[in-house]
């Protein structure tokens, strides 16, 4: 089950401006690089916390099953469509009575088919994210994303790092979701 982000969160406005202010950059010369670093920091924040910070439109391919299947991304805001995908890749929309959806109080989303179809998969489109936009993001998450992007910008020639800096991890820790396996 691999999630695809169909429409990513918007970072080119306020988020980019905040990062440029943090780095004391006033020219647009590095905007493309800074946006890449912001997107990577957003992804690392999701990986660390287990929560998608900013709302994005996503799609996941699941097997055709009458059992509940989790979407794997949290928090799910809405499940917008369920389509069947044939072995040849042809998509067909399902009527609302052909599947069940559930969004739990903790933001977990799940889907099941009323009548599974052999040799087909299901494509589930949904919207997920803690905040609808950059301004709605909790201060600790937002500041951690900015600090991590700035850290990567300053250390861009030093090579990749394994974990976020301790100051960033401390900002994100209150939102971290832990799972017992």
Protein backbone atom coordinates (compact mmCIF):
# COMPACT_ATOMS: atom_id res chain seq x y z
CA UNK A 1 0.00 0.00 0.00
CA UNK A 2 1.76 3.12 -1.23
CA UNK A 3 0.20 6.52 -0.80
CA UNK A 4 0.43 9.06 -3.59
CA UNK A 5 0.00 12.76 -2.91
CA UNK A 6 -2.22 14.01 -5.72
CA UNK A 7 -2.36 17.67 -4.62
CA UNK A 8 0.36 18.63 -2.10
CA UNK A 9 0.04 21.35 0.50
CA UNK A 10 0.82 24.89 -0.63
CA UNK A 11 4.21 26.07 0.66
CA UNK A 12 5.12 28.80 -1.82
CA UNK A 13 3.50 31.66 0.09
CA UNK A 14 3.70 32.14 3.84
CA UNK A 15 5.89 29.09 4.57
CA UNK A 16 8.54 30.14 2.06
CA UNK A 17 8.45 33.72 3.33
CA UNK A 18 8.89 32.53 6.92
CA UNK A 19 11.88 30.34 5.96
CA UNK A 20 13.49 33.19 4.00
CA UNK A 21 13.03 35.50 6.98
CA UNK A 22 14.61 32.89 9.31
CA UNK A 23 17.60 32.60 6.95
CA UNK A 24 17.76 36.37 6.24
CA UNK A 25 17.34 35.80 2.50
CA UNK A 26 15.69 38.64 0.59
CA UNK A 27 16.15 37.57 -3.04
CA UNK A 28 14.12 34.96 -4.96
CA UNK A 29 17.31 33.29 -6.27
CA UNK A 30 17.07 30.25 -3.94
CA UNK A 31 13.27 29.92 -3.82
CA UNK A 32 13.17 26.62 -5.73
CA UNK A 33 15.77 25.03 -3.44
CA UNK A 34 14.05 26.37 -0.33
CA UNK A 35 10.71 24.92 -1.46
CA UNK A 36 12.34 21.51 -1.94
CA UNK A 37 13.82 21.76 1.56
CA UNK A 38 10.45 22.78 3.02
CA UNK A 39 8.75 19.82 1.31
CA UNK A 40 11.45 17.43 2.61
CA UNK A 41 11.10 18.89 6.12
CA UNK A 42 7.33 18.44 5.94
CA UNK A 43 7.85 14.79 4.96
CA UNK A 44 10.35 14.27 7.79
CA UNK A 45 7.90 15.85 10.22
CA UNK A 46 5.24 13.37 9.10
CA UNK A 47 7.67 10.49 9.46
CA UNK A 48 8.69 11.61 12.96
CA UNK A 49 5.23 12.42 14.31
CA UNK A 50 3.13 9.87 12.41
CA UNK A 51 0.81 12.73 11.47
CA UNK A 52 0.54 14.53 8.13
CA UNK A 53 1.03 18.18 9.14
CA UNK A 54 -0.62 20.05 6.26
CA UNK A 55 -3.74 19.01 4.39
CA UNK A 56 -3.11 17.35 1.05
CA UNK A 57 -5.18 15.32 -1.40
CA UNK A 58 -3.99 11.71 -1.43
CA UNK A 59 -4.70 8.41 -3.12
CA UNK A 60 -3.91 4.88 -2.01
CA UNK A 61 -4.34 1.58 -3.84
CA UNK A 62 -5.81 -1.24 -1.76
CA UNK A 63 -6.76 -4.82 -2.50
CA UNK A 64 -10.36 -5.69 -3.27
CA UNK A 65 -11.63 -6.94 0.09
CA UNK A 66 -14.73 -6.99 2.24
CA UNK A 67 -12.58 -6.55 5.37
CA UNK A 68 -11.72 -3.14 6.78
CA UNK A 69 -8.48 -1.73 5.34
CA UNK A 70 -6.69 1.23 6.95
CA UNK A 71 -5.52 4.15 4.82
CA UNK A 72 -2.27 4.48 6.77
CA UNK A 73 -2.18 8.30 6.78
CA UNK A 74 -3.48 10.36 9.69
CA UNK A 75 -5.48 12.42 10.32
CA UNK A 76 -7.95 11.71 7.53
CA UNK A 77 -10.29 14.66 6.99
CA UNK A 78 -12.51 13.13 4.31
CA UNK A 79 -12.70 10.15 1.98
CA UNK A 80 -13.79 11.58 -1.35
CA UNK A 81 -14.05 8.61 -3.71
CA UNK A 82 -13.54 4.89 -4.14
CA UNK A 83 -12.87 3.46 -7.59
CA UNK A 84 -12.23 -0.05 -8.81
CA UNK A 85 -9.10 -0.50 -10.92
CA UNK A 86 -8.94 -3.46 -13.30
CA UNK A 87 -5.78 -5.44 -14.01
CA UNK A 88 -5.45 -3.35 -17.21
CA UNK A 89 -5.61 -0.11 -15.19
CA UNK A 90 -9.15 0.88 -16.21
CA UNK A 91 -10.92 2.79 -13.44
CA UNK A 92 -14.63 2.71 -12.67
CA UNK A 93 -16.33 4.70 -9.92
CA UNK A 94 -18.26 2.76 -7.31
CA UNK A 95 -21.72 3.81 -6.14
CA UNK A 96 -21.92 4.84 -2.48
CA UNK A 97 -23.75 1.66 -1.46
CA UNK A 98 -20.90 -0.55 -2.79
CA UNK A 99 -18.47 0.36 0.01
CA UNK A 100 -18.32 1.50 3.62
CA UNK A 101 -16.02 4.17 5.02
CA UNK A 102 -15.10 5.04 8.58
CA UNK A 103 -13.13 7.94 9.99
CA UNK A 104 -12.32 7.36 13.65
CA UNK A 105 -12.05 10.06 16.31
CA UNK A 106 -8.24 9.67 16.27
CA UNK A 107 -8.12 10.50 12.54
CA UNK A 108 -7.67 6.97 11.22
CA UNK A 109 -9.58 6.19 8.04
CA UNK A 110 -10.65 2.82 6.74
CA UNK A 111 -12.60 1.39 3.81
CA UNK A 112 -14.25 -1.92 2.96
CA UNK A 113 -16.14 -3.19 -0.05
CA UNK A 114 -19.65 -4.62 0.22
CA UNK A 115 -18.89 -7.08 -2.59
CA UNK A 116 -15.19 -7.57 -3.40
CA UNK A 117 -14.22 -8.20 -6.99
CA UNK A 118 -11.50 -10.68 -7.90
CA UNK A 119 -8.43 -9.47 -9.81
CA UNK A 120 -9.23 -5.82 -9.13
CA UNK A 121 -7.85 -3.24 -6.77
CA UNK A 122 -9.50 -0.23 -5.24
CA UNK A 123 -8.23 3.33 -5.48
CA UNK A 124 -9.27 5.43 -2.50
CA UNK A 125 -9.00 9.22 -2.76
CA UNK A 126 -8.95 11.16 0.47
CA UNK A 127 -7.90 14.37 2.13
CA UNK A 128 -5.59 14.20 5.15
CA UNK A 129 -3.68 16.64 7.31
CA UNK A 130 -3.64 18.20 10.75
CA UNK A 131 -4.10 21.77 9.52
CA UNK A 132 -5.75 23.11 6.36
CA UNK A 133 -2.96 25.62 5.69
CA UNK A 134 0.37 26.91 7.01
CA UNK A 135 -1.23 29.49 9.31
CA UNK A 136 -3.36 26.80 10.98
CA UNK A 137 -0.40 24.55 11.78
CA UNK A 138 0.47 24.37 15.50
CA UNK A 139 3.39 26.65 16.36
CA UNK A 140 5.75 23.86 17.46
CA UNK A 141 5.30 21.85 14.26
CA UNK A 142 5.58 24.94 12.07
CA UNK A 143 8.69 26.21 13.83
CA UNK A 144 10.29 22.75 13.71
CA UNK A 145 9.69 22.49 9.95
CA UNK A 146 11.25 25.94 9.41
CA UNK A 147 14.24 25.13 11.63
CA UNK A 148 14.84 21.79 9.89
CA UNK A 149 14.64 23.35 6.41
CA UNK A 150 17.04 26.09 7.55
CA UNK A 151 19.38 23.46 9.02
CA UNK A 152 19.41 21.54 5.73
CA UNK A 153 20.01 24.76 3.79
CA UNK A 154 22.99 25.69 5.96
CA UNK A 155 24.40 22.15 5.97
CA UNK A 156 23.68 21.39 2.28
CA UNK A 157 27.33 20.62 1.53
CA UNK A 158 27.89 18.46 4.64
CA UNK A 159 25.82 15.49 3.44
CA UNK A 160 22.60 13.95 4.76
CA UNK A 161 21.85 13.55 8.46
CA UNK A 162 20.12 10.55 10.01
CA UNK A 163 17.73 12.30 12.40
CA UNK A 164 16.36 15.80 12.91
CA UNK A 165 18.43 18.03 15.21
CA UNK A 166 17.53 17.72 18.92
CA UNK A 167 15.86 21.15 18.96
CA UNK A 168 13.55 20.14 16.11
CA UNK A 169 12.76 16.76 17.69
CA UNK A 170 11.88 18.55 20.94
CA UNK A 171 9.44 20.80 19.10
CA UNK A 172 7.77 17.84 17.35
CA UNK A 173 7.74 15.36 20.26
CA UNK A 174 4.34 16.48 21.70
CA UNK A 175 2.66 15.48 18.39
CA UNK A 176 4.48 12.17 18.01
CA UNK A 177 2.17 9.16 17.63
CA UNK A 178 3.61 5.94 18.96
CA UNK A 179 2.38 2.47 18.01
CA UNK A 180 2.89 -0.70 19.94
CA UNK A 181 3.41 -3.65 17.64
